[in-house]
Amino acid sequence: MHRSWLFAPGNHPRRAEKVFQSGADAAILDLEDAVAVAEKPAARAPVAAALARQRNCAGYVRVNALSTPFARDDIAAMVVRGLDGLLLPKCESVAELEEAHALIGEQEARRGLPKGSVELLPMIESARALTCLDAIAGAARRTGRVKRLSFGAADLAFDLGMTVSDDEAELDYVRHRLVVASRSAELEAPVDTVWFRLNDAAGFRARVDKSRRCGFFGKLLVHPDQVAVANEVFTPSQAEVERARKVVEAFGAAQAQGLAAIQVDGQMVDYPVVHRAQRTLAVAEAIGSRSRA
């Protein structure tokens, strides 16, 4: 239940240290776009060292794409104790997904880590990946290692020759595809892409709210100031929790009388509405449990 996923360059030790103190649910140390080509090999050691330190959030690493000469060495160096998962950028095929899964498994065995303990999060960033999305999602489910998908808007827009406007309407198709493919493959809700306009706080909040309503859970972030908003929006409000509890309790009482369709405060309530309310309560409890830990 990670609401906020904050990136930090893997080759900047101070930023890598600060990202773990940002309040984000998941910190992502980046070996890909944030690191110059000449510095990529040298960035692995400080990232592995940062993951070994005590922290109060999940620790992920974005490795380089398998189409580059860096990815396999990245995976070999990053699968260490303290790593929660790897983001695989520009994943374009089932073959790439399965190769990454196998490489991670080899390192888990080599280092005595529990099998399947390192999550793999594929990122959809090209037309080819979109074409193969359903197959990738299905294969992801079969690995037992992939919990969710995400996508990178900048690389995808570049590949498609797309100019993305302020409301990001051009990305609606991609977002809907990801939500449907994830649900069809019985994965968790996908994580939404980053928001680059750092001086548009109102636009960011509106985007996160729309992402939640579209079926996403969690947002990739590029600045610490975005963390609090993402955490707030993806946390059910007190009013939502109270409403959900009221629906569940009222429906439970109705069921005891043989009823499966009732009204609660003038709204029709049947099984789909109850299931949604139950999910709201489960999300709130999971987030609350983490806060209390």
C-alpha atoms as a PDB file:
ATOM      1  CA  MET A   1       0.000   0.000   0.000  1.00  0.00           C
ATOM      2  CA  HIS A   2       2.642   2.532  -1.061  1.00  0.00           C
ATOM      3  CA  ARG A   3       1.022   5.894  -1.721  1.00  0.00           C
ATOM      4  CA  SER A   4       4.171   7.889  -2.484  1.00  0.00           C
ATOM      5  CA  TRP A   5       7.234   6.707  -4.439  1.00  0.00           C
ATOM      6  CA  LEU A   6       9.972   9.353  -4.344  1.00  0.00           C
ATOM      7  CA  PHE A   7      12.977   9.245  -6.693  1.00  0.00           C
ATOM      8  CA  ALA A   8      16.490  10.327  -5.724  1.00  0.00           C
ATOM      9  CA  PRO A   9      19.685  10.129  -7.801  1.00  0.00           C
ATOM     10  CA  GLY A  10      21.686   7.090  -6.792  1.00  0.00           C
ATOM     11  CA  ASN A  11      25.017   8.869  -7.233  1.00  0.00           C
ATOM     12  CA  HIS A  12      24.277  11.688  -4.758  1.00  0.00           C
ATOM     13  CA  PRO A  13      24.786  10.315  -1.209  1.00  0.00           C
ATOM     14  CA  ARG A  14      23.129  13.287   0.533  1.00  0.00           C
ATOM     15  CA  ARG A  15      20.003  13.096  -1.617  1.00  0.00           C
ATOM     16  CA  ALA A  16      19.931   9.334  -1.174  1.00  0.00           C
ATOM     17  CA  GLU A  17      20.022   9.844   2.592  1.00  0.00           C
ATOM     18  CA  LYS A  18      17.332  12.538   2.558  1.00  0.00           C
ATOM     19  CA  VAL A  19      14.893  10.523   0.438  1.00  0.00           C
ATOM     20  CA  PHE A  20      14.556   8.006   3.269  1.00  0.00           C
ATOM     21  CA  GLN A  21      13.566  10.828   5.629  1.00  0.00           C
ATOM     22  CA  SER A  22      11.052  12.484   3.290  1.00  0.00           C
ATOM     23  CA  GLY A  23       7.933  10.789   4.620  1.00  0.00           C
ATOM     24  CA  ALA A  24       7.459   8.843   1.390  1.00  0.00           C
ATOM     25  CA  ASP A  25       6.177   5.294   1.694  1.00  0.00           C
ATOM     26  CA  ALA A  26       8.809   4.134  -0.803  1.00  0.00           C
ATOM     27  CA  ALA A  27      12.159   5.665  -1.728  1.00  0.00           C
ATOM     28  CA  ILE A  28      13.571   4.927  -5.184  1.00  0.00           C
ATOM     29  CA  LEU A  29      17.308   5.272  -5.675  1.00  0.00           C
ATOM     30  CA  ASP A  30      17.768   5.843  -9.381  1.00  0.00           C
ATOM     31  CA  LEU A  31      20.525   4.307 -11.493  1.00  0.00           C
ATOM     32  CA  GLU A  32      18.856   5.171 -14.792  1.00  0.00           C
ATOM     33  CA  ASP A  33      17.862   8.653 -15.983  1.00  0.00           C
ATOM     34  CA  ALA A  34      19.281  10.535 -12.982  1.00  0.00           C
ATOM     35  CA  VAL A  35      22.806   9.133 -13.435  1.00  0.00           C
ATOM     36  CA  ALA A  36      25.157  10.090 -16.275  1.00  0.00           C
ATOM     37  CA  VAL A  37      26.408   7.203 -18.399  1.00  0.00           C
ATOM     38  CA  ALA A  38      30.005   7.577 -17.234  1.00  0.00           C
ATOM     39  CA  GLU A  39      28.932   7.375 -13.574  1.00  0.00           C
ATOM     40  CA  LYS A  40      26.558   4.423 -13.749  1.00  0.00           C
ATOM     41  CA  PRO A  41      28.956   1.633 -12.656  1.00  0.00           C
ATOM     42  CA  ALA A  42      30.329   3.714  -9.765  1.00  0.00           C
ATOM     43  CA  ALA A  43      26.816   4.543  -8.501  1.00  0.00           C
ATOM     44  CA  ARG A  44      26.028   0.942  -7.585  1.00  0.00           C
ATOM     45  CA  ALA A  45      28.176   0.721  -4.460  1.00  0.00           C
ATOM     46  CA  PRO A  46      26.780   3.818  -2.693  1.00  0.00           C
ATOM     47  CA  VAL A  47      23.234   2.744  -3.528  1.00  0.00           C
ATOM     48  CA  ALA A  48      23.812  -0.705  -2.010  1.00  0.00           C
ATOM     49  CA  ALA A  49      25.323   0.963   1.057  1.00  0.00           C
ATOM     50  CA  ALA A  50      22.328   3.294   1.402  1.00  0.00           C
ATOM     51  CA  LEU A  51      19.928   0.355   1.287  1.00  0.00           C
ATOM     52  CA  ALA A  52      21.771  -1.309   4.163  1.00  0.00           C
ATOM     53  CA  ARG A  53      21.119   1.603   6.544  1.00  0.00           C
ATOM     54  CA  GLN A  54      18.200   1.688   8.936  1.00  0.00           C
ATOM     55  CA  ARG A  55      15.169   3.507   7.584  1.00  0.00           C
ATOM     56  CA  ASN A  56      11.427   3.864   8.085  1.00  0.00           C
ATOM     57  CA  CYS A  57      10.232   3.382   4.500  1.00  0.00           C
ATOM     58  CA  ALA A  58      10.553   0.823   1.715  1.00  0.00           C
ATOM     59  CA  GLY A  59      13.696   0.924  -0.405  1.00  0.00           C
ATOM     60  CA  TYR A  60      13.621   0.413  -4.183  1.00  0.00           C
ATOM     61  CA  VAL A  61      16.140   0.885  -6.980  1.00  0.00           C
ATOM     62  CA  ARG A  62      15.428   1.767 -10.600  1.00  0.00           C
ATOM     63  CA  VAL A  63      18.009  -0.136 -12.618  1.00  0.00           C
ATOM     64  CA  ASN A  64      18.803   0.526 -16.255  1.00  0.00           C
ATOM     65  CA  ALA A  65      16.803  -1.066 -19.055  1.00  0.00           C
ATOM     66  CA  LEU A  66      17.735  -4.543 -20.224  1.00  0.00           C
ATOM     67  CA  SER A  67      18.430  -3.055 -23.651  1.00  0.00           C
ATOM     68  CA  THR A  68      21.472  -1.263 -22.150  1.00  0.00           C
ATOM     69  CA  PRO A  69      24.854  -2.751 -21.175  1.00  0.00           C
ATOM     70  CA  PHE A  70      24.287  -1.773 -17.530  1.00  0.00           C
ATOM     71  CA  ALA A  71      21.129  -3.605 -16.480  1.00  0.00           C
ATOM     72  CA  ARG A  72      22.478  -7.076 -15.694  1.00  0.00           C
ATOM     73  CA  ASP A  73      25.336  -5.740 -13.569  1.00  0.00           C
ATOM     74  CA  ASP A  74      22.865  -3.372 -11.878  1.00  0.00           C
ATOM     75  CA  ILE A  75      20.648  -6.283 -10.876  1.00  0.00           C
ATOM     76  CA  ALA A  76      23.601  -8.357  -9.703  1.00  0.00           C
ATOM     77  CA  ALA A  77      24.812  -5.515  -7.484  1.00  0.00           C
ATOM     78  CA  MET A  78      21.462  -4.313  -6.177  1.00  0.00           C
ATOM     79  CA  VAL A  79      19.832  -7.536  -4.993  1.00  0.00           C
ATOM     80  CA  VAL A  80      21.117  -7.209  -1.435  1.00  0.00           C
ATOM     81  CA  ARG A  81      19.650  -7.447   2.022  1.00  0.00           C
ATOM     82  CA  GLY A  82      17.598  -4.315   2.614  1.00  0.00           C
ATOM     83  CA  LEU A  83      16.262  -4.061  -0.947  1.00  0.00           C
ATOM     84  CA  ASP A  84      12.481  -4.206  -1.252  1.00  0.00           C
ATOM     85  CA  GLY A  85      12.277  -4.121  -5.020  1.00  0.00           C
ATOM     86  CA  LEU A  86      13.596  -3.110  -8.427  1.00  0.00           C
ATOM     87  CA  LEU A  87      11.913  -0.911 -11.011  1.00  0.00           C
ATOM     88  CA  LEU A  88      12.580  -2.182 -14.533  1.00  0.00           C
ATOM     89  CA  PRO A  89      12.325   0.743 -16.978  1.00  0.00           C
ATOM     90  CA  LYS A  90      11.364   0.357 -20.624  1.00  0.00           C
ATOM     91  CA  CYS A  91      10.101  -3.193 -20.181  1.00  0.00           C
ATOM     92  CA  GLU A  92       8.883  -4.087 -23.670  1.00  0.00           C
ATOM     93  CA  SER A  93       8.196  -7.807 -23.715  1.00  0.00           C
ATOM     94  CA  VAL A  94       7.397 -10.918 -21.737  1.00  0.00           C
ATOM     95  CA  ALA A  95      10.938 -12.130 -22.489  1.00  0.00           C
ATOM     96  CA  GLU A  96      12.468  -9.093 -20.778  1.00  0.00           C
ATOM     97  CA  LEU A  97      10.178  -9.472 -17.784  1.00  0.00           C
ATOM     98  CA  GLU A  98      11.038 -13.129 -17.413  1.00  0.00           C
ATOM     99  CA  GLU A  99      14.756 -12.452 -17.803  1.00  0.00           C
ATOM    100  CA  ALA A 100      14.678  -9.840 -15.035  1.00  0.00           C
ATOM    101  CA  HIS A 101      12.697 -12.214 -12.834  1.00  0.00           C
ATOM    102  CA  ALA A 102      15.271 -14.973 -13.382  1.00  0.00           C
ATOM    103  CA  LEU A 103      18.242 -12.674 -12.766  1.00  0.00           C
ATOM    104  CA  ILE A 104      16.764 -11.486  -9.486  1.00  0.00           C
ATOM    105  CA  GLY A 105      16.065 -15.064  -8.460  1.00  0.00           C
ATOM    106  CA  GLU A 106      19.670 -16.055  -9.117  1.00  0.00           C
ATOM    107  CA  GLN A 107      20.927 -13.278  -6.869  1.00  0.00           C
ATOM    108  CA  GLU A 108      18.418 -14.090  -4.132  1.00  0.00           C
ATOM    109  CA  ALA A 109      19.727 -17.665  -4.084  1.00  0.00           C
ATOM    110  CA  ARG A 110      23.361 -16.526  -4.188  1.00  0.00           C
ATOM    111  CA  ARG A 111      22.930 -14.149  -1.264  1.00  0.00           C
ATOM    112  CA  GLY A 112      20.691 -16.350   0.863  1.00  0.00           C
ATOM    113  CA  LEU A 113      17.625 -14.126   0.507  1.00  0.00           C
ATOM    114  CA  PRO A 114      14.118 -15.628   0.608  1.00  0.00           C
ATOM    115  CA  LYS A 115      12.908 -16.672  -2.829  1.00  0.00           C
ATOM    116  CA  GLY A 116      10.629 -14.033  -4.317  1.00  0.00           C
ATOM    117  CA  SER A 117      11.412 -11.505  -1.584  1.00  0.00           C
ATOM    118  CA  VAL A 118      12.535  -8.806  -4.047  1.00  0.00           C
ATOM    119  CA  GLU A 119       9.661  -7.183  -5.881  1.00  0.00           C
ATOM    120  CA  LEU A 120       9.922  -6.412  -9.596  1.00  0.00           C
ATOM    121  CA  LEU A 121       7.998  -3.412 -10.913  1.00  0.00           C
ATOM    122  CA  PRO A 122       7.919  -3.186 -14.741  1.00  0.00           C
ATOM    123  CA  MET A 123       7.571   0.268 -16.291  1.00  0.00           C
ATOM    124  CA  ILE A 124       5.659   0.670 -19.559  1.00  0.00           C
ATOM    125  CA  GLU A 125       7.370   3.344 -21.663  1.00  0.00           C
ATOM    126  CA  SER A 126       6.957   2.632 -25.375  1.00  0.00           C
ATOM    127  CA  ALA A 127       4.459   1.796 -28.087  1.00  0.00           C
ATOM    128  CA  ARG A 128       5.836  -1.728 -28.238  1.00  0.00           C
ATOM    129  CA  ALA A 129       5.252  -2.176 -24.518  1.00  0.00           C
ATOM    130  CA  LEU A 130       1.678  -0.911 -24.839  1.00  0.00           C
ATOM    131  CA  THR A 131       1.056  -3.381 -27.643  1.00  0.00           C
ATOM    132  CA  CYS A 132       2.289  -6.211 -25.400  1.00  0.00           C
ATOM    133  CA  LEU A 133       0.708  -4.863 -22.205  1.00  0.00           C
ATOM    134  CA  ASP A 134      -1.822  -7.642 -21.618  1.00  0.00           C
ATOM    135  CA  ALA A 135       0.814 -10.319 -22.171  1.00  0.00           C
ATOM    136  CA  ILE A 136       3.278  -8.516 -19.880  1.00  0.00           C
ATOM    137  CA  ALA A 137       0.649  -8.189 -17.160  1.00  0.00           C
ATOM    138  CA  GLY A 138      -0.277 -11.856 -17.435  1.00  0.00           C
ATOM    139  CA  ALA A 139       3.359 -12.951 -17.264  1.00  0.00           C
ATOM    140  CA  ALA A 140       3.913 -10.583 -14.354  1.00  0.00           C
ATOM    141  CA  ARG A 141       1.218 -12.295 -12.376  1.00  0.00           C
ATOM    142  CA  ARG A 142       2.709 -15.726 -13.062  1.00  0.00           C
ATOM    143  CA  THR A 143       6.130 -14.759 -11.704  1.00  0.00           C
ATOM    144  CA  GLY A 144       4.743 -14.199  -8.226  1.00  0.00           C
ATOM    145  CA  ARG A 145       7.285 -11.378  -7.970  1.00  0.00           C
ATOM    146  CA  VAL A 146       5.406  -8.568  -9.694  1.00  0.00           C
ATOM    147  CA  LYS A 147       2.712  -6.888  -7.604  1.00  0.00           C
ATOM    148  CA  ARG A 148       1.926  -3.907  -9.831  1.00  0.00           C
ATOM    149  CA  LEU A 149       2.834  -1.998 -12.973  1.00  0.00           C
ATOM    150  CA  SER A 150       3.705   1.621 -13.658  1.00  0.00           C
ATOM    151  CA  PHE A 151       4.580   3.775 -16.642  1.00  0.00           C
ATOM    152  CA  GLY A 152       6.913   6.603 -17.590  1.00  0.00           C
ATOM    153  CA  ALA A 153       5.133   9.464 -19.322  1.00  0.00           C
ATOM    154  CA  ALA A 154       8.212  11.267 -20.631  1.00  0.00           C
ATOM    155  CA  ASP A 155       9.738   8.301 -22.448  1.00  0.00           C
ATOM    156  CA  LEU A 156       6.366   7.097 -23.674  1.00  0.00           C
ATOM    157  CA  ALA A 157       5.397  10.506 -25.034  1.00  0.00           C
ATOM    158  CA  PHE A 158       8.750  10.779 -26.794  1.00  0.00           C
ATOM    159  CA  ASP A 159       8.355   7.339 -28.371  1.00  0.00           C
ATOM    160  CA  LEU A 160       4.857   8.188 -29.604  1.00  0.00           C
ATOM    161  CA  GLY A 161       5.742  11.676 -30.810  1.00  0.00           C
ATOM    162  CA  MET A 162       3.141  12.954 -28.368  1.00  0.00           C
ATOM    163  CA  THR A 163       2.948  16.449 -26.886  1.00  0.00           C
ATOM    164  CA  VAL A 164       1.325  16.219 -23.466  1.00  0.00           C
ATOM    165  CA  SER A 165      -0.837  19.171 -22.447  1.00  0.00           C
ATOM    166  CA  ASP A 166      -1.291  20.474 -18.908  1.00  0.00           C
ATOM    167  CA  ASP A 167      -4.305  18.278 -18.206  1.00  0.00           C
ATOM    168  CA  GLU A 168      -2.489  15.201 -19.591  1.00  0.00           C
ATOM    169  CA  ALA A 169      -5.579  14.177 -21.562  1.00  0.00           C
ATOM    170  CA  GLU A 170      -3.297  12.579 -24.156  1.00  0.00           C
ATOM    171  CA  LEU A 171      -2.299   9.982 -21.542  1.00  0.00           C
ATOM    172  CA  ASP A 172      -5.860   8.927 -20.660  1.00  0.00           C
ATOM    173  CA  TYR A 173      -5.716   5.941 -23.021  1.00  0.00           C
ATOM    174  CA  VAL A 174      -2.492   4.704 -21.441  1.00  0.00           C
ATOM    175  CA  ARG A 175      -3.803   5.080 -17.921  1.00  0.00           C
ATOM    176  CA  HIS A 176      -7.034   3.242 -18.709  1.00  0.00           C
ATOM    177  CA  ARG A 177      -5.104   0.437 -20.397  1.00  0.00           C
ATOM    178  CA  LEU A 178      -2.876   0.010 -17.347  1.00  0.00           C
ATOM    179  CA  VAL A 179      -5.792  -0.126 -14.918  1.00  0.00           C
ATOM    180  CA  VAL A 180      -7.698  -2.674 -17.004  1.00  0.00           C
ATOM    181  CA  ALA A 181      -4.647  -4.858 -17.700  1.00  0.00           C
ATOM    182  CA  SER A 182      -3.651  -4.845 -14.038  1.00  0.00           C
ATOM    183  CA  ARG A 183      -7.098  -5.831 -12.871  1.00  0.00           C
ATOM    184  CA  SER A 184      -7.448  -8.504 -15.550  1.00  0.00           C
ATOM    185  CA  ALA A 185      -4.143 -10.057 -14.445  1.00  0.00           C
ATOM    186  CA  GLU A 186      -5.167  -9.786 -10.757  1.00  0.00           C
ATOM    187  CA  LEU A 187      -2.317  -7.426  -9.968  1.00  0.00           C
ATOM    188  CA  GLU A 188      -2.610  -4.566  -7.521  1.00  0.00           C
ATOM    189  CA  ALA A 189      -3.651  -1.154  -8.828  1.00  0.00           C
ATOM    190  CA  PRO A 190      -0.912   0.438 -10.962  1.00  0.00           C
ATOM    191  CA  VAL A 191       1.291   3.311  -9.799  1.00  0.00           C
ATOM    192  CA  ASP A 192       0.866   6.558 -11.718  1.00  0.00           C
ATOM    193  CA  THR A 193       3.693   8.334 -13.509  1.00  0.00           C
ATOM    194  CA  VAL A 194       5.536  11.446 -12.320  1.00  0.00           C
ATOM    195  CA  TRP A 195       4.357  15.068 -12.436  1.00  0.00           C
ATOM    196  CA  PHE A 196       7.138  17.361 -13.656  1.00  0.00           C
ATOM    197  CA  ARG A 197       5.567  20.833 -13.246  1.00  0.00           C
ATOM    198  CA  LEU A 198       6.935  21.526  -9.788  1.00  0.00           C
ATOM    199  CA  ASN A 199       5.502  25.059  -9.596  1.00  0.00           C
ATOM    200  CA  ASP A 200       1.923  23.858 -10.212  1.00  0.00           C
ATOM    201  CA  ALA A 201       0.798  22.563  -6.822  1.00  0.00           C
ATOM    202  CA  ALA A 202      -2.902  22.841  -7.647  1.00  0.00           C
ATOM    203  CA  GLY A 203      -2.430  20.929 -10.883  1.00  0.00           C
ATOM    204  CA  PHE A 204      -0.507  18.223  -9.063  1.00  0.00           C
ATOM    205  CA  ARG A 205      -3.211  17.732  -6.447  1.00  0.00           C
ATOM    206  CA  ALA A 206      -5.882  17.578  -9.144  1.00  0.00           C
ATOM    207  CA  ARG A 207      -3.839  15.000 -11.072  1.00  0.00           C
ATOM    208  CA  VAL A 208      -3.312  12.784  -8.025  1.00  0.00           C
ATOM    209  CA  ASP A 209      -7.011  12.959  -7.189  1.00  0.00           C
ATOM    210  CA  LYS A 210      -7.953  12.014 -10.754  1.00  0.00           C
ATOM    211  CA  SER A 211      -5.433   9.163 -10.739  1.00  0.00           C
ATOM    212  CA  ARG A 212      -7.034   7.727  -7.633  1.00  0.00           C
ATOM    213  CA  ARG A 213     -10.514   8.019  -9.136  1.00  0.00           C
ATOM    214  CA  CYS A 214      -9.287   6.329 -12.338  1.00  0.00           C
ATOM    215  CA  GLY A 215      -8.121   3.249 -10.441  1.00  0.00           C
ATOM    216  CA  PHE A 216      -4.463   3.963  -9.650  1.00  0.00           C
ATOM    217  CA  PHE A 217      -2.966   3.637  -6.204  1.00  0.00           C
ATOM    218  CA  GLY A 218       0.254   5.522  -5.578  1.00  0.00           C
ATOM    219  CA  LYS A 219       2.233   8.124  -7.487  1.00  0.00           C
ATOM    220  CA  LEU A 220       5.825   8.324  -8.671  1.00  0.00           C
ATOM    221  CA  LEU A 221       7.319  11.581  -7.363  1.00  0.00           C
ATOM    222  CA  VAL A 222      10.318  13.748  -8.224  1.00  0.00           C
ATOM    223  CA  HIS A 223      10.279  16.257  -5.339  1.00  0.00           C
ATOM    224  CA  PRO A 224       9.833  15.905  -1.557  1.00  0.00           C
ATOM    225  CA  ASP A 225       7.140  18.609  -1.572  1.00  0.00           C
ATOM    226  CA  GLN A 226       4.884  16.198  -3.466  1.00  0.00           C
ATOM    227  CA  VAL A 227       4.971  13.505  -0.774  1.00  0.00           C
ATOM    228  CA  ALA A 228       2.409  14.932   1.642  1.00  0.00           C
ATOM    229  CA  VAL A 229      -0.182  15.485  -1.098  1.00  0.00           C
ATOM    230  CA  ALA A 230       0.172  11.963  -2.490  1.00  0.00           C
ATOM    231  CA  ASN A 231      -0.076  10.452   0.983  1.00  0.00           C
ATOM    232  CA  GLU A 232      -3.171  12.506   1.755  1.00  0.00           C
ATOM    233  CA  VAL A 233      -5.032  11.830  -1.474  1.00  0.00           C
ATOM    234  CA  PHE A 234      -4.429   8.082  -1.453  1.00  0.00           C
ATOM    235  CA  THR A 235      -5.484   7.796   2.200  1.00  0.00           C
ATOM    236  CA  PRO A 236      -9.257   7.434   2.679  1.00  0.00           C
ATOM    237  CA  SER A 237     -10.558  10.505   4.489  1.00  0.00           C
ATOM    238  CA  GLN A 238     -12.313  10.252   7.825  1.00  0.00           C
ATOM    239  CA  ALA A 239     -15.615  10.998   6.084  1.00  0.00           C
ATOM    240  CA  GLU A 240     -14.989   8.195   3.563  1.00  0.00           C
ATOM    241  CA  VAL A 241     -14.149   5.762   6.357  1.00  0.00           C
ATOM    242  CA  GLU A 242     -17.226   6.679   8.367  1.00  0.00           C
ATOM    243  CA  ARG A 243     -19.420   6.379   5.300  1.00  0.00           C
ATOM    244  CA  ALA A 244     -17.924   2.994   4.403  1.00  0.00           C
ATOM    245  CA  ARG A 245     -18.403   1.695   7.938  1.00  0.00           C
ATOM    246  CA  LYS A 246     -22.017   2.872   7.932  1.00  0.00           C
ATOM    247  CA  VAL A 247     -22.688   1.106   4.618  1.00  0.00           C
ATOM    248  CA  VAL A 248     -21.097  -2.160   5.770  1.00  0.00           C
ATOM    249  CA  GLU A 249     -22.939  -2.181   9.080  1.00  0.00           C
ATOM    250  CA  ALA A 250     -26.303  -1.309   7.529  1.00  0.00           C
ATOM    251  CA  PHE A 251     -25.928  -3.942   4.832  1.00  0.00           C
ATOM    252  CA  GLY A 252     -24.914  -6.564   7.372  1.00  0.00           C
ATOM    253  CA  ALA A 253     -28.076  -5.896   9.357  1.00  0.00           C
ATOM    254  CA  ALA A 254     -30.161  -6.022   6.167  1.00  0.00           C
ATOM    255  CA  GLN A 255     -28.630  -9.324   5.106  1.00  0.00           C
ATOM    256  CA  ALA A 256     -29.638 -10.832   8.419  1.00  0.00           C
ATOM    257  CA  GLN A 257     -33.218 -10.077   7.376  1.00  0.00           C
ATOM    258  CA  GLY A 258     -32.760 -11.564   3.922  1.00  0.00           C
ATOM    259  CA  LEU A 259     -32.275  -8.280   2.080  1.00  0.00           C
ATOM    260  CA  ALA A 260     -29.524  -7.586  -0.457  1.00  0.00           C
ATOM    261  CA  ALA A 261     -30.521  -4.117  -1.685  1.00  0.00           C
ATOM    262  CA  ILE A 262     -31.158  -1.210   0.677  1.00  0.00           C
ATOM    263  CA  GLN A 263     -30.885   2.544   0.913  1.00  0.00           C
ATOM    264  CA  VAL A 264     -28.344   4.334   3.075  1.00  0.00           C
ATOM    265  CA  ASP A 265     -28.843   8.082   3.296  1.00  0.00           C
ATOM    266  CA  GLY A 266     -30.788   8.034   0.051  1.00  0.00           C
ATOM    267  CA  GLN A 267     -28.221   6.018  -1.896  1.00  0.00           C
ATOM    268  CA  MET A 268     -28.870   2.587  -3.350  1.00  0.00           C
ATOM    269  CA  VAL A 269     -26.612   0.002  -1.714  1.00  0.00           C
ATOM    270  CA  ASP A 270     -26.083  -3.510  -3.047  1.00  0.00           C
ATOM    271  CA  TYR A 271     -23.142  -5.901  -3.193  1.00  0.00           C
ATOM    272  CA  PRO A 272     -20.833  -3.825  -5.460  1.00  0.00           C
ATOM    273  CA  VAL A 273     -21.281  -0.782  -3.219  1.00  0.00           C
ATOM    274  CA  VAL A 274     -20.616  -2.872  -0.119  1.00  0.00           C
ATOM    275  CA  HIS A 275     -17.513  -4.428  -1.634  1.00  0.00           C
ATOM    276  CA  ARG A 276     -16.174  -0.960  -2.408  1.00  0.00           C
ATOM    277  CA  ALA A 277     -16.869   0.136   1.154  1.00  0.00           C
ATOM    278  CA  GLN A 278     -15.077  -2.934   2.495  1.00  0.00           C
ATOM    279  CA  ARG A 279     -12.074  -2.123   0.328  1.00  0.00           C
ATOM    280  CA  THR A 280     -12.022   1.449   1.645  1.00  0.00           C
ATOM    281  CA  LEU A 281     -11.949   0.138   5.212  1.00  0.00           C
ATOM    282  CA  ALA A 282      -9.195  -2.351   4.356  1.00  0.00           C
ATOM    283  CA  VAL A 283      -7.021   0.360   2.781  1.00  0.00           C
ATOM    284  CA  ALA A 284      -7.536   2.675   5.754  1.00  0.00           C
ATOM    285  CA  GLU A 285      -6.650  -0.111   8.178  1.00  0.00           C
ATOM    286  CA  ALA A 286      -3.516  -1.075   6.234  1.00  0.00           C
ATOM    287  CA  ILE A 287      -2.304   2.537   6.166  1.00  0.00           C
ATOM    288  CA  GLY A 288      -3.165   2.987   9.838  1.00  0.00           C
ATOM    289  CA  SER A 289      -1.319  -0.180  10.779  1.00  0.00           C
ATOM    290  CA  ARG A 290       1.831   1.048   9.040  1.00  0.00           C
ATOM    291  CA  SER A 291       1.587   4.407  10.818  1.00  0.00           C
ATOM    292  CA  ARG A 292       1.325   2.669  14.161  1.00  0.00           C
ATOM    293  CA  ALA A 293       4.293   0.382  13.462  1.00  0.00           C
END
